[in-house]
């Protein structure tokens, strides 16, 4: 929702029915008409959206600790948007995914965030731009 005022169209994808329900409620409360949400796995929903004609300029992805799945990595390297903003909670899967993504993208920055002080958990935001 925070990017809706700056984008022509925003599409959110989440596997959690509760998260999508909450997001749709938030959209209604905030009166955003340029925001929609899809329920399902990114690996299934993103190809469907591309087939329906969606051509995103920017993709913001926040995968689970296991990282981006192979099907989603494949589509991100075939249908290359201008920018990916990758939010990661696992440096090792981020590195594994970057090994694939840097074939088509250049890493512009990686910013770590210590959101959980006194633990070993680190979040990071990586900005990738199309080569």
N, C-alpha and C. Protein backbone atom coordinates (compact mmCIF):
# COMPACT_ATOMS: atom_id res chain seq x y z
N UNK A 1 0.82 -1.20 0.00
CA UNK A 1 0.00 0.00 0.00
C UNK A 1 0.86 1.26 0.00
N UNK A 2 2.03 1.17 0.64
CA UNK A 2 2.86 2.36 0.77
C UNK A 2 3.37 2.87 -0.57
N UNK A 3 3.38 2.05 -1.62
CA UNK A 3 3.84 2.54 -2.92
C UNK A 3 2.69 2.94 -3.84
N UNK A 4 1.46 2.66 -3.44
CA UNK A 4 0.30 2.96 -4.29
C UNK A 4 0.24 4.42 -4.77
N UNK A 5 0.54 5.40 -3.92
CA UNK A 5 0.48 6.78 -4.41
C UNK A 5 1.52 7.11 -5.49
N UNK A 6 2.52 6.25 -5.64
CA UNK A 6 3.62 6.54 -6.57
C UNK A 6 3.61 5.63 -7.80
N UNK A 7 2.62 4.75 -7.90
CA UNK A 7 2.58 3.78 -8.99
C UNK A 7 1.26 3.86 -9.73
N UNK A 8 1.33 3.52 -11.01
CA UNK A 8 0.10 3.46 -11.81
C UNK A 8 -0.77 2.29 -11.35
N UNK A 9 -0.10 1.15 -11.08
CA UNK A 9 -0.82 -0.05 -10.69
C UNK A 9 0.07 -0.87 -9.75
N UNK A 10 -0.54 -1.43 -8.71
CA UNK A 10 0.16 -2.28 -7.76
C UNK A 10 -0.60 -3.59 -7.64
N UNK A 11 0.13 -4.70 -7.77
CA UNK A 11 -0.47 -6.02 -7.61
C UNK A 11 0.33 -6.75 -6.53
N UNK A 12 -0.36 -7.16 -5.49
CA UNK A 12 0.26 -7.94 -4.43
C UNK A 12 -0.12 -9.40 -4.58
N UNK A 13 0.83 -10.28 -4.26
CA UNK A 13 0.59 -11.73 -4.31
C UNK A 13 0.97 -12.29 -2.96
N UNK A 14 0.08 -13.08 -2.37
CA UNK A 14 0.39 -13.72 -1.09
C UNK A 14 -0.31 -15.06 -1.00
N UNK A 15 0.34 -16.00 -0.37
CA UNK A 15 -0.20 -17.34 -0.21
C UNK A 15 -1.18 -17.42 0.96
N UNK A 16 -1.17 -16.42 1.82
CA UNK A 16 -2.02 -16.42 3.01
C UNK A 16 -3.38 -15.76 2.73
N UNK A 17 -4.44 -16.53 2.90
CA UNK A 17 -5.79 -16.02 2.69
C UNK A 17 -6.07 -14.84 3.63
N UNK A 18 -5.59 -14.95 4.88
CA UNK A 18 -5.81 -13.89 5.86
C UNK A 18 -5.09 -12.60 5.46
N UNK A 19 -3.88 -12.75 4.93
CA UNK A 19 -3.12 -11.56 4.50
C UNK A 19 -3.80 -10.85 3.34
N UNK A 20 -4.31 -11.62 2.39
CA UNK A 20 -4.99 -11.02 1.25
C UNK A 20 -6.28 -10.36 1.71
N UNK A 21 -7.03 -11.00 2.58
CA UNK A 21 -8.26 -10.42 3.13
C UNK A 21 -7.95 -9.09 3.82
N UNK A 22 -6.91 -9.08 4.65
CA UNK A 22 -6.52 -7.87 5.36
C UNK A 22 -6.09 -6.78 4.39
N UNK A 23 -5.35 -7.15 3.36
CA UNK A 23 -4.89 -6.18 2.37
C UNK A 23 -6.06 -5.58 1.60
N UNK A 24 -7.04 -6.40 1.25
CA UNK A 24 -8.21 -5.90 0.54
C UNK A 24 -9.01 -4.93 1.43
N UNK A 25 -9.09 -5.25 2.70
CA UNK A 25 -9.75 -4.34 3.65
C UNK A 25 -8.97 -3.02 3.74
N UNK A 26 -7.66 -3.11 3.84
CA UNK A 26 -6.80 -1.93 3.91
C UNK A 26 -6.96 -1.07 2.64
N UNK A 27 -7.05 -1.73 1.49
CA UNK A 27 -7.24 -1.02 0.23
C UNK A 27 -8.55 -0.22 0.27
N UNK A 28 -9.60 -0.86 0.78
CA UNK A 28 -10.92 -0.20 0.86
C UNK A 28 -10.86 0.99 1.82
N UNK A 29 -10.28 0.79 2.99
CA UNK A 29 -10.19 1.86 3.99
C UNK A 29 -9.41 3.06 3.45
N UNK A 30 -8.33 2.78 2.71
CA UNK A 30 -7.48 3.85 2.18
C UNK A 30 -7.91 4.35 0.81
N UNK A 31 -8.95 3.76 0.25
CA UNK A 31 -9.53 4.18 -1.03
C UNK A 31 -8.51 4.18 -2.17
N UNK A 32 -7.73 3.09 -2.24
CA UNK A 32 -6.78 2.92 -3.35
C UNK A 32 -7.48 2.15 -4.47
N UNK A 33 -7.61 2.78 -5.63
CA UNK A 33 -8.24 2.08 -6.74
C UNK A 33 -7.22 1.49 -7.72
N UNK A 34 -5.95 1.70 -7.45
CA UNK A 34 -4.90 1.17 -8.31
C UNK A 34 -4.18 -0.04 -7.70
N UNK A 35 -4.78 -0.65 -6.69
CA UNK A 35 -4.16 -1.76 -5.97
C UNK A 35 -5.06 -2.98 -6.03
N UNK A 36 -4.45 -4.13 -6.30
CA UNK A 36 -5.20 -5.39 -6.27
C UNK A 36 -4.33 -6.46 -5.64
N UNK A 37 -4.95 -7.53 -5.19
CA UNK A 37 -4.22 -8.62 -4.54
C UNK A 37 -4.68 -9.95 -5.09
N UNK A 38 -3.72 -10.83 -5.26
CA UNK A 38 -3.97 -12.17 -5.76
C UNK A 38 -3.57 -13.18 -4.69
N UNK A 39 -4.40 -14.19 -4.51
CA UNK A 39 -4.12 -15.25 -3.55
C UNK A 39 -3.44 -16.40 -4.28
N UNK A 40 -2.30 -16.85 -3.76
CA UNK A 40 -1.62 -18.01 -4.33
C UNK A 40 -0.12 -17.90 -4.23
N UNK A 41 0.54 -18.92 -4.72
CA UNK A 41 2.00 -18.97 -4.78
C UNK A 41 2.48 -18.04 -5.90
N UNK A 42 3.53 -17.29 -5.65
CA UNK A 42 4.09 -16.39 -6.66
C UNK A 42 4.45 -17.18 -7.92
N UNK A 43 4.97 -18.40 -7.74
CA UNK A 43 5.39 -19.22 -8.89
C UNK A 43 4.22 -19.57 -9.81
N UNK A 44 3.00 -19.53 -9.31
CA UNK A 44 1.82 -19.80 -10.14
C UNK A 44 1.14 -18.52 -10.60
N UNK A 45 1.03 -17.56 -9.71
CA UNK A 45 0.28 -16.33 -10.00
C UNK A 45 1.04 -15.41 -10.94
N UNK A 46 2.35 -15.24 -10.73
CA UNK A 46 3.12 -14.32 -11.58
C UNK A 46 3.08 -14.71 -13.05
N UNK A 47 3.30 -15.98 -13.42
CA UNK A 47 3.17 -16.34 -14.85
C UNK A 47 1.77 -16.07 -15.41
N UNK A 48 0.74 -16.29 -14.59
CA UNK A 48 -0.64 -16.03 -15.02
C UNK A 48 -0.82 -14.53 -15.31
N UNK A 49 -0.28 -13.69 -14.43
CA UNK A 49 -0.39 -12.24 -14.63
C UNK A 49 0.36 -11.80 -15.89
N UNK A 50 1.55 -12.37 -16.12
CA UNK A 50 2.28 -12.05 -17.36
C UNK A 50 1.46 -12.47 -18.57
N UNK A 51 0.84 -13.65 -18.51
CA UNK A 51 0.02 -14.14 -19.64
C UNK A 51 -1.20 -13.25 -19.87
N UNK A 52 -1.66 -12.57 -18.84
CA UNK A 52 -2.78 -11.63 -18.96
C UNK A 52 -2.34 -10.24 -19.41
N UNK A 53 -1.03 -10.07 -19.66
CA UNK A 53 -0.54 -8.81 -20.21
C UNK A 53 0.16 -7.89 -19.22
N UNK A 54 0.28 -8.30 -17.96
CA UNK A 54 0.99 -7.47 -16.99
C UNK A 54 2.47 -7.40 -17.35
N UNK A 55 3.03 -6.18 -17.34
CA UNK A 55 4.45 -5.97 -17.61
C UNK A 55 4.99 -5.02 -16.56
N UNK A 56 5.33 -5.54 -15.39
CA UNK A 56 5.77 -4.66 -14.31
C UNK A 56 7.13 -4.02 -14.58
N UNK A 57 7.26 -2.77 -14.14
CA UNK A 57 8.55 -2.08 -14.19
C UNK A 57 9.41 -2.51 -13.00
N UNK A 58 8.75 -2.70 -11.85
CA UNK A 58 9.44 -3.02 -10.61
C UNK A 58 8.72 -4.19 -9.94
N UNK A 59 9.50 -5.13 -9.44
CA UNK A 59 8.96 -6.22 -8.64
C UNK A 59 9.62 -6.15 -7.27
N UNK A 60 8.79 -6.12 -6.24
CA UNK A 60 9.28 -6.19 -4.87
C UNK A 60 8.96 -7.60 -4.39
N UNK A 61 9.99 -8.32 -3.98
CA UNK A 61 9.79 -9.71 -3.58
C UNK A 61 10.37 -9.94 -2.19
N UNK A 62 9.62 -10.62 -1.36
CA UNK A 62 10.02 -10.93 0.01
C UNK A 62 9.77 -12.42 0.25
N UNK A 63 10.67 -13.25 -0.25
CA UNK A 63 10.44 -14.70 -0.17
C UNK A 63 10.66 -15.25 1.24
N UNK A 64 10.24 -16.50 1.46
CA UNK A 64 10.51 -17.14 2.75
C UNK A 64 12.01 -17.40 2.92
N UNK A 65 12.40 -17.92 4.07
CA UNK A 65 13.81 -18.19 4.36
C UNK A 65 14.47 -19.07 3.30
N UNK A 66 13.68 -19.90 2.65
CA UNK A 66 14.21 -20.80 1.62
C UNK A 66 14.58 -20.07 0.33
N UNK A 67 14.22 -18.79 0.22
CA UNK A 67 14.57 -18.00 -0.96
C UNK A 67 13.53 -18.10 -2.06
N UNK A 68 13.87 -17.55 -3.20
CA UNK A 68 12.98 -17.57 -4.35
C UNK A 68 13.02 -18.96 -4.98
N UNK A 69 11.85 -19.51 -5.25
CA UNK A 69 11.80 -20.86 -5.84
C UNK A 69 12.28 -20.81 -7.30
N UNK A 70 12.62 -21.99 -7.84
CA UNK A 70 13.20 -22.08 -9.19
C UNK A 70 12.25 -21.59 -10.28
N UNK A 71 10.96 -21.86 -10.13
CA UNK A 71 9.99 -21.43 -11.14
C UNK A 71 9.92 -19.89 -11.21
N UNK A 72 9.94 -19.25 -10.04
CA UNK A 72 9.90 -17.78 -10.01
C UNK A 72 11.21 -17.20 -10.51
N UNK A 73 12.35 -17.80 -10.13
CA UNK A 73 13.64 -17.35 -10.66
C UNK A 73 13.66 -17.43 -12.18
N UNK A 74 13.09 -18.49 -12.72
CA UNK A 74 13.05 -18.67 -14.17
C UNK A 74 12.27 -17.54 -14.84
N UNK A 75 11.10 -17.22 -14.31
CA UNK A 75 10.31 -16.15 -14.93
C UNK A 75 10.97 -14.79 -14.76
N UNK A 76 11.64 -14.57 -13.63
CA UNK A 76 12.33 -13.29 -13.42
C UNK A 76 13.52 -13.11 -14.35
N UNK A 77 14.09 -14.21 -14.83
CA UNK A 77 15.22 -14.11 -15.76
C UNK A 77 14.77 -14.20 -17.22
N UNK A 78 13.52 -14.52 -17.46
CA UNK A 78 12.97 -14.51 -18.83
C UNK A 78 12.18 -13.24 -19.11
N UNK A 79 11.39 -12.78 -18.17
CA UNK A 79 10.57 -11.58 -18.30
C UNK A 79 11.18 -10.52 -17.39
N UNK A 80 12.22 -9.89 -17.84
CA UNK A 80 13.09 -9.07 -17.00
C UNK A 80 12.51 -7.66 -16.78
N UNK A 81 11.99 -7.39 -15.57
CA UNK A 81 11.55 -6.02 -15.28
C UNK A 81 12.77 -5.10 -15.11
N UNK A 82 12.54 -3.79 -15.11
CA UNK A 82 13.64 -2.84 -14.97
C UNK A 82 14.35 -2.96 -13.63
N UNK A 83 13.57 -3.31 -12.58
CA UNK A 83 14.15 -3.32 -11.24
C UNK A 83 13.48 -4.40 -10.39
N UNK A 84 14.29 -5.03 -9.53
CA UNK A 84 13.78 -5.93 -8.49
C UNK A 84 14.27 -5.39 -7.16
N UNK A 85 13.36 -5.32 -6.21
CA UNK A 85 13.72 -4.98 -4.83
C UNK A 85 13.50 -6.26 -4.04
N UNK A 86 14.59 -6.86 -3.58
CA UNK A 86 14.57 -8.18 -2.95
C UNK A 86 14.79 -8.01 -1.46
N UNK A 87 13.75 -8.31 -0.69
CA UNK A 87 13.82 -8.27 0.77
C UNK A 87 14.15 -9.68 1.23
N UNK A 88 15.25 -9.83 1.94
CA UNK A 88 15.70 -11.17 2.34
C UNK A 88 15.89 -11.27 3.85
N UNK A 89 15.55 -12.44 4.37
CA UNK A 89 15.80 -12.72 5.79
C UNK A 89 16.85 -13.81 5.94
N UNK A 90 17.48 -14.21 4.84
CA UNK A 90 18.46 -15.28 4.88
C UNK A 90 19.61 -14.98 3.91
N UNK A 91 20.75 -14.55 4.43
CA UNK A 91 21.87 -14.19 3.55
C UNK A 91 22.33 -15.33 2.63
N UNK A 92 22.25 -16.58 3.09
CA UNK A 92 22.74 -17.67 2.24
C UNK A 92 21.82 -17.92 1.05
N UNK A 93 20.49 -17.85 1.25
CA UNK A 93 19.61 -18.03 0.09
C UNK A 93 19.60 -16.80 -0.80
N UNK A 94 19.82 -15.63 -0.22
CA UNK A 94 19.98 -14.43 -1.03
C UNK A 94 21.17 -14.61 -1.98
N UNK A 95 22.30 -15.06 -1.44
CA UNK A 95 23.49 -15.27 -2.27
C UNK A 95 23.22 -16.30 -3.37
N UNK A 96 22.54 -17.37 -3.02
CA UNK A 96 22.21 -18.41 -4.00
C UNK A 96 21.32 -17.84 -5.10
N UNK A 97 20.31 -17.05 -4.73
CA UNK A 97 19.42 -16.45 -5.72
C UNK A 97 20.13 -15.40 -6.56
N UNK A 98 21.02 -14.63 -5.95
CA UNK A 98 21.76 -13.61 -6.70
C UNK A 98 22.66 -14.23 -7.76
N UNK A 99 23.15 -15.42 -7.49
CA UNK A 99 23.98 -16.12 -8.48
C UNK A 99 23.21 -16.32 -9.79
N UNK A 100 21.92 -16.58 -9.68
CA UNK A 100 21.06 -16.75 -10.86
C UNK A 100 20.64 -15.38 -11.41
N UNK A 101 20.18 -14.50 -10.54
CA UNK A 101 19.63 -13.22 -10.99
C UNK A 101 20.67 -12.31 -11.63
N UNK A 102 21.93 -12.40 -11.21
CA UNK A 102 22.95 -11.50 -11.76
C UNK A 102 23.32 -11.85 -13.21
N UNK A 103 22.73 -12.89 -13.76
CA UNK A 103 22.90 -13.16 -15.20
C UNK A 103 22.16 -12.10 -16.01
N UNK A 104 21.09 -11.55 -15.43
CA UNK A 104 20.26 -10.56 -16.14
C UNK A 104 20.19 -9.21 -15.44
N UNK A 105 20.62 -9.17 -14.18
CA UNK A 105 20.51 -7.96 -13.37
C UNK A 105 21.86 -7.59 -12.77
N UNK A 106 22.00 -6.31 -12.49
CA UNK A 106 23.18 -5.80 -11.79
C UNK A 106 22.75 -5.42 -10.38
N UNK A 107 23.54 -5.85 -9.39
CA UNK A 107 23.26 -5.47 -8.00
C UNK A 107 23.69 -4.02 -7.82
N UNK A 108 22.74 -3.18 -7.46
CA UNK A 108 23.03 -1.76 -7.24
C UNK A 108 23.36 -1.47 -5.78
N UNK A 109 22.71 -2.19 -4.88
CA UNK A 109 23.00 -1.99 -3.45
C UNK A 109 22.43 -3.15 -2.65
N UNK A 110 23.07 -3.39 -1.51
CA UNK A 110 22.56 -4.33 -0.51
C UNK A 110 22.65 -3.61 0.83
N UNK A 111 21.52 -3.47 1.48
CA UNK A 111 21.47 -2.78 2.77
C UNK A 111 20.97 -3.74 3.84
N UNK A 112 21.83 -4.06 4.81
CA UNK A 112 21.38 -4.94 5.91
C UNK A 112 20.64 -4.14 6.98
N UNK A 113 19.70 -4.81 7.62
CA UNK A 113 18.94 -4.22 8.71
C UNK A 113 18.93 -5.18 9.89
N UNK A 114 19.35 -4.71 11.05
CA UNK A 114 19.30 -5.52 12.26
C UNK A 114 17.97 -5.24 12.94
N UNK A 115 16.94 -5.92 12.48
CA UNK A 115 15.59 -5.68 13.00
C UNK A 115 15.31 -6.47 14.27
N UNK A 116 16.18 -7.41 14.56
CA UNK A 116 15.99 -8.27 15.73
C UNK A 116 17.27 -8.25 16.56
N UNK A 117 17.52 -7.15 17.29
CA UNK A 117 18.75 -7.02 18.07
C UNK A 117 18.98 -8.22 19.00
N UNK A 118 20.24 -8.51 19.20
CA UNK A 118 20.68 -9.59 20.09
C UNK A 118 20.29 -10.97 19.57
N UNK A 119 20.02 -11.08 18.25
CA UNK A 119 19.80 -12.38 17.62
C UNK A 119 20.71 -12.44 16.40
N UNK A 120 20.77 -13.59 15.78
CA UNK A 120 21.58 -13.74 14.56
C UNK A 120 20.79 -13.40 13.30
N UNK A 121 19.53 -13.00 13.43
CA UNK A 121 18.69 -12.72 12.27
C UNK A 121 18.96 -11.33 11.70
N UNK A 122 19.21 -11.31 10.40
CA UNK A 122 19.47 -10.06 9.68
C UNK A 122 18.52 -9.99 8.48
N UNK A 123 17.89 -8.87 8.30
CA UNK A 123 17.10 -8.61 7.09
C UNK A 123 17.97 -7.77 6.17
N UNK A 124 17.72 -7.88 4.87
CA UNK A 124 18.44 -7.02 3.94
C UNK A 124 17.53 -6.66 2.77
N UNK A 125 17.85 -5.54 2.16
CA UNK A 125 17.15 -5.12 0.95
C UNK A 125 18.20 -4.97 -0.14
N UNK A 126 18.00 -5.71 -1.21
CA UNK A 126 18.90 -5.68 -2.35
C UNK A 126 18.18 -5.05 -3.52
N UNK A 127 18.82 -4.09 -4.15
CA UNK A 127 18.27 -3.44 -5.33
C UNK A 127 19.00 -4.00 -6.55
N UNK A 128 18.23 -4.57 -7.45
CA UNK A 128 18.78 -5.12 -8.70
C UNK A 128 18.18 -4.36 -9.88
N UNK A 129 19.02 -4.02 -10.85
CA UNK A 129 18.52 -3.35 -12.06
C UNK A 129 18.88 -4.16 -13.27
N UNK A 130 18.00 -4.13 -14.24
CA UNK A 130 18.19 -4.83 -15.51
C UNK A 130 19.50 -4.39 -16.15
N UNK A 131 20.29 -5.36 -16.63
CA UNK A 131 21.56 -5.03 -17.30
C UNK A 131 21.30 -4.42 -18.66
